[in-house]
N, C-alpha and C. Protein backbone atom coordinates (compact mmCIF):
# COMPACT_ATOMS: atom_id res chain seq x y z
N MET A 1 -0.36 5.98 -20.71
CA MET A 1 0.77 6.25 -19.83
C MET A 1 0.42 7.41 -18.89
N ILE A 2 0.71 7.20 -17.65
CA ILE A 2 0.43 8.22 -16.63
C ILE A 2 1.67 9.10 -16.50
N PRO A 3 1.53 10.41 -16.62
CA PRO A 3 2.70 11.27 -16.49
C PRO A 3 3.21 11.27 -15.04
N PRO A 4 4.52 11.21 -14.86
CA PRO A 4 5.08 11.19 -13.50
C PRO A 4 4.70 12.41 -12.66
N THR A 5 4.25 13.47 -13.30
CA THR A 5 3.85 14.67 -12.56
C THR A 5 2.44 14.58 -11.99
N HIS A 6 1.71 13.54 -12.36
CA HIS A 6 0.33 13.37 -11.86
C HIS A 6 0.39 13.19 -10.34
N PRO A 7 -0.48 13.89 -9.59
CA PRO A 7 -0.43 13.80 -8.12
C PRO A 7 -0.69 12.39 -7.58
N ARG A 8 -1.36 11.54 -8.34
CA ARG A 8 -1.65 10.18 -7.89
C ARG A 8 -0.80 9.16 -8.65
N TYR A 9 0.29 9.60 -9.26
CA TYR A 9 1.12 8.75 -10.12
C TYR A 9 1.48 7.42 -9.46
N ARG A 10 2.07 7.49 -8.29
CA ARG A 10 2.52 6.26 -7.62
C ARG A 10 1.35 5.33 -7.30
N SER A 11 0.29 5.90 -6.77
CA SER A 11 -0.86 5.08 -6.42
C SER A 11 -1.50 4.45 -7.65
N LEU A 12 -1.58 5.20 -8.75
CA LEU A 12 -2.16 4.65 -9.97
C LEU A 12 -1.30 3.51 -10.53
N LEU A 13 0.02 3.65 -10.43
CA LEU A 13 0.89 2.55 -10.87
C LEU A 13 0.69 1.32 -9.99
N GLU A 14 0.58 1.54 -8.68
CA GLU A 14 0.35 0.42 -7.77
C GLU A 14 -0.98 -0.25 -8.08
N ARG A 15 -2.01 0.55 -8.34
CA ARG A 15 -3.32 -0.01 -8.65
C ARG A 15 -3.24 -0.85 -9.92
N GLU A 16 -2.52 -0.38 -10.93
CA GLU A 16 -2.41 -1.13 -12.18
C GLU A 16 -1.71 -2.47 -11.94
N ARG A 17 -0.72 -2.49 -11.05
CA ARG A 17 -0.05 -3.76 -10.72
C ARG A 17 -1.02 -4.73 -10.05
N VAL A 18 -1.87 -4.20 -9.17
CA VAL A 18 -2.86 -5.06 -8.52
C VAL A 18 -3.85 -5.59 -9.56
N VAL A 19 -4.27 -4.73 -10.48
CA VAL A 19 -5.18 -5.16 -11.55
C VAL A 19 -4.54 -6.29 -12.37
N GLU A 20 -3.27 -6.13 -12.71
CA GLU A 20 -2.57 -7.18 -13.46
C GLU A 20 -2.52 -8.47 -12.65
N GLY A 21 -2.30 -8.35 -11.34
CA GLY A 21 -2.28 -9.53 -10.48
C GLY A 21 -3.62 -10.24 -10.45
N VAL A 22 -4.71 -9.46 -10.43
CA VAL A 22 -6.05 -10.06 -10.48
C VAL A 22 -6.22 -10.77 -11.82
N ARG A 23 -5.84 -10.09 -12.89
CA ARG A 23 -5.99 -10.65 -14.23
C ARG A 23 -5.17 -11.94 -14.38
N ASP A 24 -3.97 -11.95 -13.80
CA ASP A 24 -3.09 -13.12 -13.92
C ASP A 24 -3.41 -14.21 -12.90
N GLY A 25 -4.29 -13.92 -11.95
CA GLY A 25 -4.76 -14.93 -11.02
C GLY A 25 -3.95 -15.11 -9.75
N TYR A 26 -3.02 -14.21 -9.46
CA TYR A 26 -2.26 -14.37 -8.22
C TYR A 26 -2.63 -13.34 -7.16
N VAL A 27 -3.60 -12.49 -7.45
CA VAL A 27 -4.15 -11.56 -6.46
C VAL A 27 -5.67 -11.72 -6.47
N ALA A 28 -6.26 -11.82 -5.29
CA ALA A 28 -7.72 -11.91 -5.20
C ALA A 28 -8.34 -10.56 -5.52
N LEU A 29 -9.55 -10.58 -6.01
CA LEU A 29 -10.26 -9.35 -6.32
C LEU A 29 -10.33 -8.44 -5.09
N GLN A 30 -10.38 -9.05 -3.91
CA GLN A 30 -10.43 -8.27 -2.67
C GLN A 30 -9.18 -7.41 -2.51
N GLY A 31 -8.05 -7.82 -3.11
CA GLY A 31 -6.84 -7.01 -3.05
C GLY A 31 -7.03 -5.67 -3.74
N LEU A 32 -7.76 -5.69 -4.84
CA LEU A 32 -8.05 -4.45 -5.55
C LEU A 32 -8.98 -3.57 -4.72
N ILE A 33 -9.94 -4.20 -4.06
CA ILE A 33 -10.86 -3.46 -3.20
C ILE A 33 -10.09 -2.84 -2.03
N ALA A 34 -9.18 -3.60 -1.44
CA ALA A 34 -8.39 -3.09 -0.32
C ALA A 34 -7.54 -1.90 -0.75
N HIS A 35 -6.97 -1.97 -1.94
CA HIS A 35 -6.16 -0.84 -2.43
C HIS A 35 -7.04 0.41 -2.57
N GLY A 36 -8.24 0.22 -3.12
CA GLY A 36 -9.16 1.35 -3.27
C GLY A 36 -9.56 1.95 -1.94
N ARG A 37 -9.73 1.09 -0.95
CA ARG A 37 -10.07 1.57 0.40
C ARG A 37 -8.93 2.43 0.95
N GLY A 38 -7.71 1.99 0.72
CA GLY A 38 -6.56 2.78 1.16
C GLY A 38 -6.50 4.13 0.47
N GLU A 39 -6.79 4.14 -0.84
CA GLU A 39 -6.81 5.41 -1.57
C GLU A 39 -7.87 6.34 -1.01
N CYS A 40 -9.01 5.79 -0.64
CA CYS A 40 -10.09 6.60 -0.07
C CYS A 40 -9.60 7.31 1.19
N PHE A 41 -8.92 6.59 2.07
CA PHE A 41 -8.41 7.20 3.29
C PHE A 41 -7.35 8.25 2.96
N ASP A 42 -6.55 8.01 1.91
CA ASP A 42 -5.58 9.02 1.49
C ASP A 42 -6.28 10.33 1.17
N TYR A 43 -7.37 10.25 0.43
CA TYR A 43 -8.12 11.46 0.09
C TYR A 43 -8.68 12.13 1.34
N LEU A 44 -9.21 11.33 2.27
CA LEU A 44 -9.83 11.89 3.47
C LEU A 44 -8.84 12.61 4.37
N ILE A 45 -7.61 12.11 4.44
CA ILE A 45 -6.62 12.74 5.33
C ILE A 45 -5.66 13.64 4.56
N GLY A 46 -6.00 13.97 3.34
CA GLY A 46 -5.19 14.91 2.59
C GLY A 46 -3.94 14.30 1.98
N GLU A 47 -3.95 13.01 1.74
CA GLU A 47 -2.85 12.30 1.10
C GLU A 47 -1.51 12.53 1.80
N ALA A 48 -1.55 12.61 3.10
CA ALA A 48 -0.33 12.81 3.87
C ALA A 48 -0.21 11.71 4.92
N THR A 49 1.00 11.20 5.08
CA THR A 49 1.23 10.23 6.15
C THR A 49 1.25 10.99 7.46
N GLN A 50 0.40 10.60 8.36
CA GLN A 50 0.29 11.27 9.64
C GLN A 50 1.49 10.91 10.53
N PRO A 51 1.89 11.82 11.42
CA PRO A 51 3.05 11.56 12.28
C PRO A 51 2.95 10.26 13.07
N PHE A 52 1.76 9.94 13.59
CA PHE A 52 1.62 8.70 14.36
C PHE A 52 1.87 7.48 13.47
N ALA A 53 1.50 7.58 12.19
CA ALA A 53 1.72 6.46 11.27
C ALA A 53 3.20 6.31 10.96
N GLU A 54 3.91 7.43 10.82
CA GLU A 54 5.35 7.35 10.58
C GLU A 54 6.05 6.68 11.75
N ARG A 55 5.64 7.01 12.97
CA ARG A 55 6.24 6.37 14.15
C ARG A 55 5.93 4.87 14.17
N ALA A 56 4.71 4.51 13.78
CA ALA A 56 4.34 3.09 13.74
C ALA A 56 5.15 2.35 12.68
N ILE A 57 5.38 2.97 11.55
CA ILE A 57 6.19 2.36 10.49
C ILE A 57 7.61 2.12 10.99
N GLU A 58 8.18 3.13 11.65
CA GLU A 58 9.54 2.99 12.19
C GLU A 58 9.60 1.89 13.25
N ALA A 59 8.60 1.82 14.11
CA ALA A 59 8.57 0.78 15.15
C ALA A 59 8.46 -0.60 14.53
N ALA A 60 7.63 -0.73 13.50
CA ALA A 60 7.48 -2.03 12.83
C ALA A 60 8.78 -2.44 12.15
N ALA A 61 9.44 -1.49 11.50
CA ALA A 61 10.71 -1.79 10.84
C ALA A 61 11.76 -2.21 11.86
N ALA A 62 11.80 -1.53 13.00
CA ALA A 62 12.76 -1.88 14.05
C ALA A 62 12.48 -3.28 14.58
N ALA A 63 11.20 -3.61 14.76
CA ALA A 63 10.83 -4.94 15.24
C ALA A 63 11.26 -6.02 14.24
N LEU A 64 11.07 -5.76 12.96
CA LEU A 64 11.48 -6.73 11.94
C LEU A 64 13.00 -6.90 11.91
N LEU A 65 13.70 -5.78 12.02
CA LEU A 65 15.17 -5.83 11.94
C LEU A 65 15.80 -6.51 13.15
N THR A 66 15.14 -6.46 14.29
CA THR A 66 15.72 -7.04 15.50
C THR A 66 15.16 -8.42 15.85
N ALA A 67 14.17 -8.88 15.10
CA ALA A 67 13.55 -10.18 15.39
C ALA A 67 14.47 -11.33 15.00
N LYS A 68 14.44 -12.40 15.80
CA LYS A 68 15.21 -13.60 15.45
C LYS A 68 14.62 -14.28 14.23
N HIS A 69 13.30 -14.33 14.16
CA HIS A 69 12.61 -14.99 13.05
C HIS A 69 11.50 -14.06 12.53
N PRO A 70 11.87 -13.02 11.78
CA PRO A 70 10.86 -12.06 11.32
C PRO A 70 9.87 -12.69 10.34
N VAL A 71 8.64 -12.26 10.44
CA VAL A 71 7.57 -12.74 9.56
C VAL A 71 6.77 -11.54 9.06
N ILE A 72 6.47 -11.53 7.78
CA ILE A 72 5.58 -10.52 7.22
C ILE A 72 4.34 -11.24 6.73
N SER A 73 3.19 -10.85 7.25
CA SER A 73 1.91 -11.42 6.84
C SER A 73 1.18 -10.39 6.00
N VAL A 74 0.79 -10.77 4.80
CA VAL A 74 0.13 -9.84 3.89
C VAL A 74 -1.36 -10.14 3.88
N ASN A 75 -2.15 -9.10 4.08
CA ASN A 75 -3.61 -9.24 4.10
C ASN A 75 -4.20 -8.36 3.02
N GLY A 76 -5.09 -8.92 2.22
CA GLY A 76 -5.78 -8.09 1.24
C GLY A 76 -5.31 -8.24 -0.14
């Protein structure tokens, strides 16, 4: 069990879910690799969401909320 106070708590829980998905056959092994790549960038930028990324997230959410036929495509 990972203590909730661990600095990587959320990411480690997410990684475990991806591992379970690989084990159960509904996530490709590449999904685990993609998650690790994201963690690597978190370490490089100090585990902080950069302001430009927050603006991009808000813009994407606004586009989804206002779209007539919203689509989410998942990669990785």
